[in-house]
Amino acid sequence: MRDKAYVIKIDRGTIWVTPLLSDTCINCTHPVCTRRGTPFPVTNPLKLTVKTGDIVRISSSRRIQATQGVVALVLPILSAAAGYATAEPVAKLLGKTATEGGKAAGVLIGLFLMTGIITFISRRLHHFHKAEIAAVLPPVDFTRIPGQEN
């Protein structure tokens, strides 16, 4: 994630920004066309000088992105494999023979169970990771229209 955001408030060390979403007019280069999104807090690990009204580039930590990838992809696959492996012991416990349908059901149960756990945890822990300020961008003159001289 690498986006621009507008600093709206600095409150007790917490920097609040609102994203500048400019994907609505693909060919437009006028900053006045951008619309603003929902405010959220960001961190400033580089200790950049930031003040209200600045436009900053925000990014997400590569370590956090890698962790999210592992959690979102690897854990459900391992859980599905565990569901396949436990299908036979569960079938024996129930006095039945494990069929391909039973093993497929084990895979689906493992996959959906882990997906549900990841979804539940990620909705509870989303506030632990905040986007980071990567750079403070130069100020933009919103009153000047590019291509026109006064």
N, C-alpha and C. Protein backbone atom coordinates (compact mmCIF):
# COMPACT_ATOMS: atom_id res chain seq x y z
N MET A 1 0.85 -1.18 0.00
CA MET A 1 0.00 0.00 0.00
C MET A 1 0.89 1.24 0.00
N ARG A 2 0.70 2.12 -0.94
CA ARG A 2 1.40 3.40 -1.00
C ARG A 2 0.40 4.41 -1.54
N ASP A 3 -0.09 5.26 -0.66
CA ASP A 3 -1.11 6.22 -1.04
C ASP A 3 -0.79 7.58 -0.45
N LYS A 4 -1.47 8.58 -0.94
CA LYS A 4 -1.36 9.92 -0.40
C LYS A 4 -2.47 10.13 0.61
N ALA A 5 -2.17 10.94 1.62
CA ALA A 5 -3.17 11.25 2.64
C ALA A 5 -2.95 12.68 3.11
N TYR A 6 -4.01 13.27 3.64
CA TYR A 6 -4.02 14.64 4.12
C TYR A 6 -4.07 14.60 5.65
N VAL A 7 -3.10 15.25 6.30
CA VAL A 7 -3.06 15.27 7.77
C VAL A 7 -4.13 16.22 8.27
N ILE A 8 -5.10 15.67 9.00
CA ILE A 8 -6.20 16.51 9.48
C ILE A 8 -6.06 16.92 10.94
N LYS A 9 -5.29 16.11 11.72
CA LYS A 9 -5.21 16.42 13.15
C LYS A 9 -4.01 15.68 13.74
N ILE A 10 -3.34 16.34 14.69
CA ILE A 10 -2.31 15.69 15.49
C ILE A 10 -2.73 15.88 16.94
N ASP A 11 -3.07 14.76 17.58
CA ASP A 11 -3.64 14.82 18.92
C ASP A 11 -2.85 13.91 19.86
N ARG A 12 -2.08 14.51 20.77
CA ARG A 12 -1.29 13.76 21.76
C ARG A 12 -0.40 12.71 21.11
N GLY A 13 0.29 13.09 20.06
CA GLY A 13 1.22 12.18 19.39
C GLY A 13 0.58 11.27 18.36
N THR A 14 -0.74 11.24 18.29
CA THR A 14 -1.43 10.43 17.28
C THR A 14 -1.73 11.31 16.08
N ILE A 15 -1.27 10.86 14.92
CA ILE A 15 -1.48 11.62 13.69
C ILE A 15 -2.68 11.02 12.96
N TRP A 16 -3.66 11.86 12.67
CA TRP A 16 -4.86 11.43 11.96
C TRP A 16 -4.80 11.96 10.54
N VAL A 17 -5.05 11.06 9.58
CA VAL A 17 -5.04 11.45 8.17
C VAL A 17 -6.34 10.98 7.51
N THR A 18 -6.60 11.58 6.39
CA THR A 18 -7.71 11.12 5.56
C THR A 18 -7.12 10.85 4.18
N PRO A 19 -7.41 9.70 3.60
CA PRO A 19 -6.79 9.37 2.31
C PRO A 19 -7.31 10.26 1.20
N LEU A 20 -6.43 10.55 0.26
CA LEU A 20 -6.82 11.28 -0.93
C LEU A 20 -7.04 10.25 -2.02
N LEU A 21 -8.29 10.03 -2.36
CA LEU A 21 -8.64 9.01 -3.34
C LEU A 21 -8.84 9.68 -4.68
N SER A 22 -7.94 9.41 -5.61
CA SER A 22 -8.02 10.08 -6.90
C SER A 22 -8.27 9.13 -8.05
N ASP A 23 -8.70 7.92 -7.76
CA ASP A 23 -8.90 6.95 -8.83
C ASP A 23 -10.21 7.14 -9.59
N THR A 24 -10.99 8.14 -9.22
CA THR A 24 -12.27 8.34 -9.91
C THR A 24 -12.09 8.99 -11.27
N CYS A 25 -11.06 9.81 -11.43
CA CYS A 25 -10.79 10.47 -12.71
C CYS A 25 -9.41 10.03 -13.16
N ILE A 26 -9.31 8.95 -13.88
CA ILE A 26 -8.03 8.35 -14.19
C ILE A 26 -7.10 9.29 -14.94
N ASN A 27 -7.59 10.03 -15.90
CA ASN A 27 -6.73 10.91 -16.70
C ASN A 27 -6.56 12.30 -16.10
N CYS A 28 -7.22 12.58 -15.02
CA CYS A 28 -7.20 13.92 -14.43
C CYS A 28 -5.96 14.09 -13.55
N THR A 29 -5.28 15.21 -13.68
CA THR A 29 -4.12 15.49 -12.84
C THR A 29 -4.38 16.66 -11.90
N HIS A 30 -5.59 17.15 -11.85
CA HIS A 30 -5.93 18.27 -10.99
C HIS A 30 -6.20 17.77 -9.57
N PRO A 31 -5.41 18.21 -8.58
CA PRO A 31 -5.62 17.72 -7.21
C PRO A 31 -6.95 18.14 -6.62
N VAL A 32 -7.61 19.18 -7.17
CA VAL A 32 -8.90 19.59 -6.62
C VAL A 32 -9.99 18.57 -6.93
N CYS A 33 -9.71 17.65 -7.82
CA CYS A 33 -10.71 16.65 -8.19
C CYS A 33 -10.76 15.48 -7.20
N THR A 34 -9.73 15.36 -6.38
CA THR A 34 -9.69 14.21 -5.48
C THR A 34 -10.77 14.32 -4.43
N ARG A 35 -11.26 13.18 -4.03
CA ARG A 35 -12.24 13.16 -2.96
C ARG A 35 -11.58 12.54 -1.73
N ARG A 36 -12.09 12.81 -0.60
CA ARG A 36 -11.46 12.35 0.63
C ARG A 36 -12.21 11.17 1.21
N GLY A 37 -11.45 10.29 1.88
CA GLY A 37 -12.02 9.10 2.50
C GLY A 37 -12.18 9.28 4.00
N THR A 38 -12.30 8.17 4.70
CA THR A 38 -12.52 8.15 6.14
C THR A 38 -11.20 8.34 6.90
N PRO A 39 -11.17 9.21 7.91
CA PRO A 39 -9.95 9.44 8.68
C PRO A 39 -9.51 8.20 9.45
N PHE A 40 -8.18 8.04 9.60
CA PHE A 40 -7.62 6.95 10.39
C PHE A 40 -6.26 7.38 10.93
N PRO A 41 -5.80 6.74 12.04
CA PRO A 41 -4.51 7.11 12.62
C PRO A 41 -3.35 6.43 11.89
N VAL A 42 -2.20 7.10 11.87
CA VAL A 42 -0.98 6.54 11.26
C VAL A 42 0.18 6.75 12.23
N THR A 43 1.25 5.99 12.01
CA THR A 43 2.46 6.16 12.81
C THR A 43 3.49 6.95 12.02
N ASN A 44 4.49 7.43 12.72
CA ASN A 44 5.56 8.20 12.09
C ASN A 44 6.91 7.61 12.52
N PRO A 45 7.25 6.39 12.04
CA PRO A 45 8.47 5.73 12.50
C PRO A 45 9.75 6.43 12.05
N LEU A 46 9.68 7.22 10.97
CA LEU A 46 10.86 7.93 10.48
C LEU A 46 11.06 9.27 11.19
N LYS A 47 10.15 9.61 12.10
CA LYS A 47 10.20 10.85 12.88
C LYS A 47 10.27 12.09 11.97
N LEU A 48 9.47 12.07 10.90
CA LEU A 48 9.41 13.20 9.98
C LEU A 48 8.65 14.35 10.63
N THR A 49 8.99 15.58 10.26
CA THR A 49 8.27 16.74 10.77
C THR A 49 6.94 16.85 10.01
N VAL A 50 5.87 16.66 10.74
CA VAL A 50 4.53 16.65 10.14
C VAL A 50 3.66 17.65 10.88
N LYS A 51 2.86 18.38 10.12
CA LYS A 51 1.92 19.32 10.74
C LYS A 51 0.56 19.19 10.06
N THR A 52 -0.45 19.68 10.72
CA THR A 52 -1.80 19.64 10.16
C THR A 52 -1.81 20.37 8.82
N GLY A 53 -2.44 19.76 7.83
CA GLY A 53 -2.52 20.34 6.50
C GLY A 53 -1.50 19.76 5.53
N ASP A 54 -0.53 19.01 6.01
CA ASP A 54 0.46 18.39 5.12
C ASP A 54 -0.16 17.26 4.33
N ILE A 55 0.38 17.04 3.15
CA ILE A 55 0.02 15.86 2.37
C ILE A 55 1.19 14.90 2.50
N VAL A 56 0.90 13.67 2.92
CA VAL A 56 1.95 12.68 3.18
C VAL A 56 1.71 11.44 2.33
N ARG A 57 2.78 10.71 2.11
CA ARG A 57 2.67 9.40 1.46
C ARG A 57 2.68 8.38 2.59
N ILE A 58 1.66 7.53 2.60
CA ILE A 58 1.57 6.50 3.63
C ILE A 58 1.84 5.15 2.99
N SER A 59 2.35 4.25 3.79
CA SER A 59 2.63 2.90 3.29
C SER A 59 2.39 1.92 4.41
N SER A 60 2.37 0.66 4.04
CA SER A 60 2.20 -0.41 5.01
C SER A 60 3.54 -1.12 5.14
N SER A 61 3.84 -1.57 6.32
CA SER A 61 5.09 -2.27 6.59
C SER A 61 5.17 -3.55 5.77
N ARG A 62 6.32 -3.79 5.14
CA ARG A 62 6.50 -5.02 4.36
C ARG A 62 6.43 -6.25 5.24
N ARG A 63 6.89 -6.12 6.47
CA ARG A 63 6.84 -7.24 7.41
C ARG A 63 5.39 -7.60 7.72
N ILE A 64 4.56 -6.60 7.93
CA ILE A 64 3.14 -6.84 8.20
C ILE A 64 2.47 -7.45 6.98
N GLN A 65 2.79 -6.96 5.78
CA GLN A 65 2.21 -7.51 4.56
C GLN A 65 2.61 -8.98 4.38
N ALA A 66 3.86 -9.31 4.66
CA ALA A 66 4.31 -10.70 4.54
C ALA A 66 3.60 -11.59 5.55
N THR A 67 3.44 -11.09 6.77
CA THR A 67 2.73 -11.85 7.80
C THR A 67 1.27 -12.08 7.40
N GLN A 68 0.64 -11.05 6.85
CA GLN A 68 -0.75 -11.20 6.40
C GLN A 68 -0.86 -12.24 5.29
N GLY A 69 0.11 -12.24 4.38
CA GLY A 69 0.11 -13.22 3.30
C GLY A 69 0.22 -14.64 3.82
N VAL A 70 1.13 -14.84 4.77
CA VAL A 70 1.31 -16.18 5.34
C VAL A 70 0.05 -16.61 6.07
N VAL A 71 -0.48 -15.73 6.88
CA VAL A 71 -1.68 -16.07 7.66
C VAL A 71 -2.86 -16.34 6.75
N ALA A 72 -3.04 -15.51 5.73
CA ALA A 72 -4.22 -15.62 4.86
C ALA A 72 -4.13 -16.78 3.87
N LEU A 73 -2.92 -17.19 3.50
CA LEU A 73 -2.77 -18.24 2.49
C LEU A 73 -2.29 -19.57 3.06
N VAL A 74 -1.23 -19.53 3.84
CA VAL A 74 -0.60 -20.77 4.30
C VAL A 74 -1.44 -21.48 5.37
N LEU A 75 -1.92 -20.73 6.35
CA LEU A 75 -2.68 -21.38 7.43
C LEU A 75 -3.95 -22.10 6.93
N PRO A 76 -4.76 -21.51 6.05
CA PRO A 76 -5.92 -22.26 5.55
C PRO A 76 -5.51 -23.53 4.77
N ILE A 77 -4.42 -23.46 4.01
CA ILE A 77 -3.97 -24.65 3.27
C ILE A 77 -3.53 -25.74 4.24
N LEU A 78 -2.77 -25.37 5.27
CA LEU A 78 -2.34 -26.36 6.28
C LEU A 78 -3.54 -26.92 7.03
N SER A 79 -4.51 -26.08 7.31
CA SER A 79 -5.71 -26.53 8.00
C SER A 79 -6.52 -27.49 7.12
N ALA A 80 -6.58 -27.22 5.83
CA ALA A 80 -7.27 -28.13 4.91
C ALA A 80 -6.56 -29.47 4.85
N ALA A 81 -5.24 -29.45 4.84
CA ALA A 81 -4.46 -30.70 4.84
C ALA A 81 -4.68 -31.46 6.14
N ALA A 82 -4.77 -30.74 7.25
CA ALA A 82 -5.04 -31.39 8.53
C ALA A 82 -6.44 -32.00 8.53
N GLY A 83 -7.39 -31.33 7.91
CA GLY A 83 -8.75 -31.88 7.79
C GLY A 83 -8.76 -33.17 6.99
N TYR A 84 -7.95 -33.22 5.93
CA TYR A 84 -7.84 -34.43 5.11
C TYR A 84 -7.21 -35.56 5.93
N ALA A 85 -6.14 -35.21 6.68
CA ALA A 85 -5.43 -36.24 7.46
C ALA A 85 -6.27 -36.77 8.62
N THR A 86 -7.13 -35.96 9.19
CA THR A 86 -7.93 -36.40 10.33
C THR A 86 -9.25 -37.06 9.91
N ALA A 87 -9.55 -37.07 8.63
CA ALA A 87 -10.82 -37.67 8.18
C ALA A 87 -10.86 -39.16 8.48
N GLU A 88 -9.77 -39.86 8.26
CA GLU A 88 -9.74 -41.31 8.49
C GLU A 88 -9.84 -41.65 9.98
N PRO A 89 -9.03 -41.02 10.86
CA PRO A 89 -9.19 -41.32 12.28
C PRO A 89 -10.59 -40.98 12.82
N VAL A 90 -11.17 -39.91 12.32
CA VAL A 90 -12.53 -39.55 12.77
C VAL A 90 -13.54 -40.58 12.29
N ALA A 91 -13.37 -41.05 11.06
CA ALA A 91 -14.27 -42.07 10.52
C ALA A 91 -14.15 -43.36 11.33
N LYS A 92 -12.93 -43.78 11.69
CA LYS A 92 -12.73 -44.98 12.51
C LYS A 92 -13.35 -44.81 13.87
N LEU A 93 -13.24 -43.61 14.43
CA LEU A 93 -13.82 -43.32 15.74
C LEU A 93 -15.34 -43.47 15.69
N LEU A 94 -15.92 -43.14 14.54
CA LEU A 94 -17.37 -43.26 14.37
C LEU A 94 -17.78 -44.64 13.88
N GLY A 95 -16.81 -45.53 13.70
CA GLY A 95 -17.10 -46.89 13.25
C GLY A 95 -17.41 -46.97 11.77
N LYS A 96 -16.87 -46.09 10.99
CA LYS A 96 -17.13 -46.07 9.54
C LYS A 96 -15.80 -46.13 8.80
N THR A 97 -15.91 -46.28 7.50
CA THR A 97 -14.73 -46.25 6.64
C THR A 97 -14.64 -44.87 6.00
N ALA A 98 -13.42 -44.33 5.95
CA ALA A 98 -13.23 -43.01 5.35
C ALA A 98 -13.35 -43.13 3.83
N THR A 99 -14.27 -42.39 3.27
CA THR A 99 -14.45 -42.37 1.81
C THR A 99 -13.84 -41.07 1.26
N GLU A 100 -13.80 -40.99 -0.05
CA GLU A 100 -13.30 -39.75 -0.66
C GLU A 100 -14.19 -38.57 -0.29
N GLY A 101 -15.48 -38.81 -0.20
CA GLY A 101 -16.40 -37.75 0.21
C GLY A 101 -16.13 -37.30 1.63
N GLY A 102 -15.82 -38.24 2.51
CA GLY A 102 -15.49 -37.89 3.90
C GLY A 102 -14.20 -37.10 3.99
N LYS A 103 -13.21 -37.49 3.16
CA LYS A 103 -11.94 -36.75 3.15
C LYS A 103 -12.14 -35.35 2.58
N ALA A 104 -12.97 -35.24 1.54
CA ALA A 104 -13.27 -33.92 0.97
C ALA A 104 -14.00 -33.06 2.00
N ALA A 105 -14.90 -33.67 2.76
CA ALA A 105 -15.59 -32.93 3.81
C ALA A 105 -14.60 -32.46 4.87
N GLY A 106 -13.61 -33.29 5.20
CA GLY A 106 -12.57 -32.90 6.15
C GLY A 106 -11.77 -31.72 5.64
N VAL A 107 -11.45 -31.74 4.34
CA VAL A 107 -10.72 -30.62 3.74
C VAL A 107 -11.54 -29.34 3.85
N LEU A 108 -12.81 -29.41 3.49
CA LEU A 108 -13.67 -28.22 3.53
C LEU A 108 -13.88 -27.72 4.96
N ILE A 109 -14.06 -28.65 5.89
CA ILE A 109 -14.23 -28.24 7.29
C ILE A 109 -12.97 -27.55 7.79
N GLY A 110 -11.81 -28.13 7.49
CA GLY A 110 -10.55 -27.51 7.90
C GLY A 110 -10.36 -26.14 7.28
N LEU A 111 -10.65 -26.03 5.99
CA LEU A 111 -10.50 -24.77 5.28
C LEU A 111 -11.43 -23.69 5.83
N PHE A 112 -12.71 -24.01 5.97
CA PHE A 112 -13.67 -23.03 6.45
C PHE A 112 -13.46 -22.68 7.92
N LEU A 113 -13.03 -23.67 8.72
CA LEU A 113 -12.77 -23.41 10.13
C LEU A 113 -11.63 -22.40 10.29
N MET A 114 -10.52 -22.63 9.59
CA MET A 114 -9.39 -21.71 9.69
C MET A 114 -9.72 -20.35 9.10
N THR A 115 -10.45 -20.32 8.00
CA THR A 115 -10.85 -19.05 7.40
C THR A 115 -11.72 -18.26 8.37
N GLY A 116 -12.63 -18.93 9.05
CA GLY A 116 -13.46 -18.26 10.06
C GLY A 116 -12.66 -17.74 11.23
N ILE A 117 -11.69 -18.53 11.69
CA ILE A 117 -10.84 -18.10 12.81
C ILE A 117 -10.02 -16.88 12.40
N ILE A 118 -9.42 -16.92 11.20
CA ILE A 118 -8.62 -15.78 10.73
C ILE A 118 -9.48 -14.54 10.58
N THR A 119 -10.67 -14.68 10.04
CA THR A 119 -11.57 -13.55 9.88
C THR A 119 -11.95 -12.96 11.24
N PHE A 120 -12.28 -13.83 12.19
CA PHE A 120 -12.67 -13.36 13.53
C PHE A 120 -11.52 -12.62 14.20
N ILE A 121 -10.32 -13.19 14.15
CA ILE A 121 -9.16 -12.57 14.80
C ILE A 121 -8.78 -11.27 14.11
N SER A 122 -8.78 -11.26 12.78
CA SER A 122 -8.37 -10.05 12.07
C SER A 122 -9.33 -8.89 12.31
N ARG A 123 -10.58 -9.17 12.51
CA ARG A 123 -11.54 -8.09 12.79
C ARG A 123 -11.36 -7.55 14.20
N ARG A 124 -10.86 -8.38 15.10
CA ARG A 124 -10.62 -7.94 16.47
C ARG A 124 -9.28 -7.23 16.62
N LEU A 125 -8.29 -7.60 15.82
CA LEU A 125 -6.93 -7.09 16.00
C LEU A 125 -6.52 -6.07 14.95
N HIS A 126 -7.43 -5.57 14.14
CA HIS A 126 -7.06 -4.66 13.07
C HIS A 126 -6.44 -3.36 13.57
N HIS A 127 -6.71 -2.99 14.81
CA HIS A 127 -6.19 -1.74 15.33
C HIS A 127 -4.73 -1.83 15.77
N PHE A 128 -4.13 -3.03 15.79
CA PHE A 128 -2.75 -3.17 16.21
C PHE A 128 -1.77 -2.71 15.14
N HIS A 129 -2.17 -2.71 13.90
CA HIS A 129 -1.28 -2.25 12.85
C HIS A 129 -1.82 -0.96 12.26
N LYS A 130 -0.96 0.02 12.21
CA LYS A 130 -1.33 1.29 11.61
C LYS A 130 -0.43 1.52 10.40
N ALA A 131 -0.95 2.22 9.42
CA ALA A 131 -0.13 2.62 8.28
C ALA A 131 0.96 3.56 8.78
N GLU A 132 2.03 3.64 7.99
CA GLU A 132 3.17 4.48 8.37
C GLU A 132 3.32 5.64 7.40
N ILE A 133 3.79 6.77 7.91
CA ILE A 133 4.11 7.90 7.04
C ILE A 133 5.48 7.62 6.43
N ALA A 134 5.53 7.53 5.10
CA ALA A 134 6.78 7.25 4.41
C ALA A 134 7.48 8.53 3.97
N ALA A 135 6.72 9.59 3.68
CA ALA A 135 7.30 10.85 3.23
C ALA A 135 6.28 11.98 3.38
N VAL A 136 6.80 13.17 3.57
CA VAL A 136 5.97 14.37 3.54
C VAL A 136 6.14 14.97 2.16
N LEU A 137 5.05 15.14 1.44
CA LEU A 137 5.10 15.63 0.06
C LEU A 137 5.12 17.15 0.03
N PRO A 138 5.67 17.72 -1.03
CA PRO A 138 5.69 19.19 -1.12
C PRO A 138 4.27 19.73 -1.20
N PRO A 139 4.06 20.95 -0.69
CA PRO A 139 2.71 21.51 -0.71
C PRO A 139 2.20 21.71 -2.14
N VAL A 140 0.91 21.59 -2.28
CA VAL A 140 0.26 21.74 -3.58
C VAL A 140 -0.54 23.03 -3.55
N ASP A 141 -0.40 23.83 -4.61
CA ASP A 141 -1.17 25.06 -4.74
C ASP A 141 -2.50 24.72 -5.40
N PHE A 142 -3.56 24.64 -4.61
CA PHE A 142 -4.87 24.26 -5.11
C PHE A 142 -5.55 25.41 -5.89
N THR A 143 -4.98 26.61 -5.81
CA THR A 143 -5.62 27.74 -6.49
C THR A 143 -5.12 27.88 -7.93
N ARG A 144 -3.97 27.32 -8.25
CA ARG A 144 -3.39 27.45 -9.58
C ARG A 144 -3.85 26.28 -10.45
N ILE A 145 -4.32 26.57 -11.65
CA ILE A 145 -4.74 25.54 -12.57
C ILE A 145 -3.57 25.26 -13.52
N PRO A 146 -3.10 24.00 -13.55
CA PRO A 146 -1.96 23.68 -14.41
C PRO A 146 -2.25 24.01 -15.89
N GLY A 147 -1.22 24.59 -16.58
CA GLY A 147 -1.37 24.92 -17.99
C GLY A 147 -1.87 26.32 -18.26
N GLN A 148 -2.33 27.01 -17.21
CA GLN A 148 -2.82 28.39 -17.39
C GLN A 148 -1.91 29.35 -16.65
N GLU A 149 -1.49 30.39 -17.32
CA GLU A 149 -0.65 31.42 -16.69
C GLU A 149 -1.53 32.60 -16.32
N ASN A 150 -1.23 33.22 -15.21
CA ASN A 150 -2.00 34.40 -14.75
C ASN A 150 -1.51 35.66 -15.40
